[in-house]
Amino acid sequence: MRLLKAAFMLIIVVDIFIILLALTILNPLLVLLFIVVSGVLKGIHNQLSVKQKLYKFYKIRSSKVRI
């Protein structure tokens, strides 16, 4: 899961770099598009993180109940 987190963080960093590049060179509409894509990727990353934490919580909780 750490590899997945690292991959998403790398994608976000690349998006920020592209946004800065787009601000200096390209059309502002492309900047808006990259911001939206970056937001969607961050949302996916947060959902995966929450699902992993919930899975660990319920796994620990269910093992304590069985004992």
N, C-alpha and C. Protein backbone atom coordinates (compact mmCIF):
# COMPACT_ATOMS: atom_id res chain seq x y z
N MET A 1 0.82 -1.19 0.00
CA MET A 1 0.00 0.00 0.00
C MET A 1 0.87 1.26 0.00
N ARG A 2 2.08 1.16 0.57
CA ARG A 2 2.98 2.32 0.56
C ARG A 2 3.38 2.69 -0.86
N LEU A 3 3.54 1.67 -1.71
CA LEU A 3 3.88 1.94 -3.10
C LEU A 3 2.76 2.68 -3.79
N LEU A 4 1.52 2.31 -3.48
CA LEU A 4 0.37 2.99 -4.06
C LEU A 4 0.31 4.45 -3.59
N LYS A 5 0.57 4.67 -2.30
CA LYS A 5 0.60 6.03 -1.79
C LYS A 5 1.69 6.85 -2.47
N ALA A 6 2.86 6.24 -2.63
CA ALA A 6 3.97 6.95 -3.28
C ALA A 6 3.62 7.28 -4.73
N ALA A 7 2.93 6.37 -5.40
CA ALA A 7 2.55 6.61 -6.79
C ALA A 7 1.57 7.78 -6.89
N PHE A 8 0.59 7.82 -5.99
CA PHE A 8 -0.37 8.92 -6.03
C PHE A 8 0.29 10.25 -5.67
N MET A 9 1.20 10.22 -4.71
CA MET A 9 1.89 11.46 -4.36
C MET A 9 2.75 11.95 -5.52
N LEU A 10 3.38 11.02 -6.23
CA LEU A 10 4.18 11.39 -7.41
C LEU A 10 3.28 12.00 -8.48
N ILE A 11 2.12 11.43 -8.67
CA ILE A 11 1.17 11.97 -9.66
C ILE A 11 0.75 13.38 -9.26
N ILE A 12 0.51 13.60 -7.99
CA ILE A 12 0.10 14.94 -7.52
C ILE A 12 1.23 15.95 -7.72
N VAL A 13 2.46 15.54 -7.42
CA VAL A 13 3.60 16.43 -7.62
C VAL A 13 3.77 16.77 -9.10
N VAL A 14 3.62 15.77 -9.96
CA VAL A 14 3.72 16.01 -11.40
C VAL A 14 2.60 16.95 -11.85
N ASP A 15 1.40 16.77 -11.31
CA ASP A 15 0.29 17.67 -11.67
C ASP A 15 0.58 19.11 -11.26
N ILE A 16 1.15 19.29 -10.08
CA ILE A 16 1.49 20.64 -9.64
C ILE A 16 2.52 21.26 -10.57
N PHE A 17 3.52 20.47 -10.96
CA PHE A 17 4.52 20.97 -11.91
C PHE A 17 3.88 21.35 -13.23
N ILE A 18 2.97 20.52 -13.72
CA ILE A 18 2.28 20.80 -14.99
C ILE A 18 1.43 22.06 -14.86
N ILE A 19 0.78 22.25 -13.72
CA ILE A 19 -0.02 23.46 -13.51
C ILE A 19 0.86 24.70 -13.55
N LEU A 20 1.99 24.64 -12.87
CA LEU A 20 2.90 25.79 -12.91
C LEU A 20 3.40 26.06 -14.32
N LEU A 21 3.72 25.00 -15.06
CA LEU A 21 4.13 25.15 -16.46
C LEU A 21 3.01 25.74 -17.30
N ALA A 22 1.80 25.26 -17.06
CA ALA A 22 0.66 25.75 -17.84
C ALA A 22 0.37 27.22 -17.54
N LEU A 23 0.58 27.63 -16.31
CA LEU A 23 0.35 29.04 -15.98
C LEU A 23 1.29 29.96 -16.74
N THR A 24 2.49 29.50 -16.99
CA THR A 24 3.45 30.36 -17.67
C THR A 24 3.36 30.26 -19.19
N ILE A 25 2.92 29.12 -19.70
CA ILE A 25 2.98 28.91 -21.15
C ILE A 25 1.60 28.78 -21.80
N LEU A 26 0.71 28.04 -21.18
CA LEU A 26 -0.50 27.61 -21.87
C LEU A 26 -1.74 28.42 -21.50
N ASN A 27 -2.84 27.95 -22.02
CA ASN A 27 -4.15 28.54 -21.84
C ASN A 27 -4.64 28.34 -20.39
N PRO A 28 -5.27 29.33 -19.78
CA PRO A 28 -5.80 29.14 -18.41
C PRO A 28 -6.84 28.03 -18.29
N LEU A 29 -7.54 27.70 -19.37
CA LEU A 29 -8.50 26.60 -19.32
C LEU A 29 -7.80 25.26 -19.07
N LEU A 30 -6.60 25.12 -19.62
CA LEU A 30 -5.84 23.89 -19.36
C LEU A 30 -5.40 23.83 -17.90
N VAL A 31 -5.11 24.98 -17.32
CA VAL A 31 -4.75 25.02 -15.90
C VAL A 31 -5.93 24.53 -15.07
N LEU A 32 -7.12 24.99 -15.39
CA LEU A 32 -8.31 24.54 -14.69
C LEU A 32 -8.50 23.03 -14.84
N LEU A 33 -8.27 22.51 -16.02
CA LEU A 33 -8.39 21.08 -16.26
C LEU A 33 -7.41 20.29 -15.39
N PHE A 34 -6.18 20.74 -15.33
CA PHE A 34 -5.18 20.05 -14.50
C PHE A 34 -5.52 20.13 -13.01
N ILE A 35 -6.09 21.25 -12.59
CA ILE A 35 -6.50 21.37 -11.19
C ILE A 35 -7.61 20.38 -10.87
N VAL A 36 -8.56 20.23 -11.78
CA VAL A 36 -9.65 19.28 -11.58
C VAL A 36 -9.11 17.86 -11.53
N VAL A 37 -8.21 17.51 -12.44
CA VAL A 37 -7.63 16.16 -12.46
C VAL A 37 -6.86 15.90 -11.17
N SER A 38 -6.11 16.87 -10.71
CA SER A 38 -5.36 16.73 -9.48
C SER A 38 -6.30 16.54 -8.29
N GLY A 39 -7.39 17.26 -8.25
CA GLY A 39 -8.38 17.11 -7.18
C GLY A 39 -9.01 15.73 -7.18
N VAL A 40 -9.32 15.22 -8.36
CA VAL A 40 -9.90 13.88 -8.46
C VAL A 40 -8.91 12.84 -7.97
N LEU A 41 -7.66 12.95 -8.36
CA LEU A 41 -6.64 11.99 -7.92
C LEU A 41 -6.45 12.05 -6.40
N LYS A 42 -6.48 13.25 -5.84
CA LYS A 42 -6.35 13.38 -4.39
C LYS A 42 -7.55 12.76 -3.68
N GLY A 43 -8.73 12.92 -4.25
CA GLY A 43 -9.93 12.30 -3.68
C GLY A 43 -9.84 10.78 -3.69
N ILE A 44 -9.35 10.22 -4.78
CA ILE A 44 -9.17 8.77 -4.87
C ILE A 44 -8.16 8.31 -3.84
N HIS A 45 -7.08 9.05 -3.70
CA HIS A 45 -6.06 8.70 -2.71
C HIS A 45 -6.64 8.71 -1.30
N ASN A 46 -7.43 9.72 -0.97
CA ASN A 46 -8.04 9.80 0.36
C ASN A 46 -9.00 8.64 0.60
N GLN A 47 -9.79 8.27 -0.42
CA GLN A 47 -10.72 7.15 -0.26
C GLN A 47 -9.97 5.85 0.00
N LEU A 48 -8.90 5.63 -0.72
CA LEU A 48 -8.12 4.40 -0.51
C LEU A 48 -7.49 4.39 0.88
N SER A 49 -7.04 5.53 1.34
CA SER A 49 -6.44 5.63 2.66
C SER A 49 -7.48 5.32 3.74
N VAL A 50 -8.66 5.88 3.61
CA VAL A 50 -9.72 5.65 4.59
C VAL A 50 -10.15 4.19 4.58
N LYS A 51 -10.28 3.59 3.39
CA LYS A 51 -10.66 2.18 3.31
C LYS A 51 -9.63 1.29 3.98
N GLN A 52 -8.35 1.62 3.80
CA GLN A 52 -7.29 0.82 4.42
C GLN A 52 -7.36 0.94 5.94
N LYS A 53 -7.58 2.14 6.44
CA LYS A 53 -7.66 2.34 7.88
C LYS A 53 -8.87 1.64 8.48
N LEU A 54 -10.01 1.70 7.77
CA LEU A 54 -11.20 1.00 8.26
C LEU A 54 -10.99 -0.50 8.26
N TYR A 55 -10.35 -1.02 7.22
CA TYR A 55 -10.08 -2.45 7.15
C TYR A 55 -9.22 -2.89 8.34
N LYS A 56 -8.17 -2.13 8.63
CA LYS A 56 -7.30 -2.47 9.77
C LYS A 56 -8.07 -2.39 11.08
N PHE A 57 -8.91 -1.36 11.23
CA PHE A 57 -9.68 -1.19 12.46
C PHE A 57 -10.61 -2.37 12.69
N TYR A 58 -11.38 -2.76 11.66
CA TYR A 58 -12.32 -3.85 11.82
C TYR A 58 -11.62 -5.20 11.95
N LYS A 59 -10.47 -5.33 11.32
CA LYS A 59 -9.71 -6.58 11.45
C LYS A 59 -9.23 -6.74 12.89
N ILE A 60 -8.69 -5.67 13.47
CA ILE A 60 -8.22 -5.72 14.86
C ILE A 60 -9.41 -5.93 15.79
N ARG A 61 -10.50 -5.24 15.54
CA ARG A 61 -11.68 -5.34 16.39
C ARG A 61 -12.29 -6.73 16.34
N SER A 62 -12.36 -7.33 15.14
CA SER A 62 -12.96 -8.65 15.03
C SER A 62 -12.05 -9.72 15.68
N SER A 63 -10.74 -9.54 15.64
CA SER A 63 -9.85 -10.51 16.27
C SER A 63 -9.95 -10.42 17.79
N LYS A 64 -10.20 -9.23 18.34
CA LYS A 64 -10.37 -9.07 19.79
C LYS A 64 -11.69 -9.67 20.27
N VAL A 65 -12.71 -9.60 19.45
CA VAL A 65 -14.02 -10.14 19.83
C VAL A 65 -13.98 -11.66 19.87
N ARG A 66 -13.27 -12.27 18.94
CA ARG A 66 -13.20 -13.73 18.86
C ARG A 66 -12.44 -14.32 20.03
N ILE A 67 -11.50 -13.59 20.59
CA ILE A 67 -10.71 -14.11 21.71
C ILE A 67 -11.52 -14.04 22.93
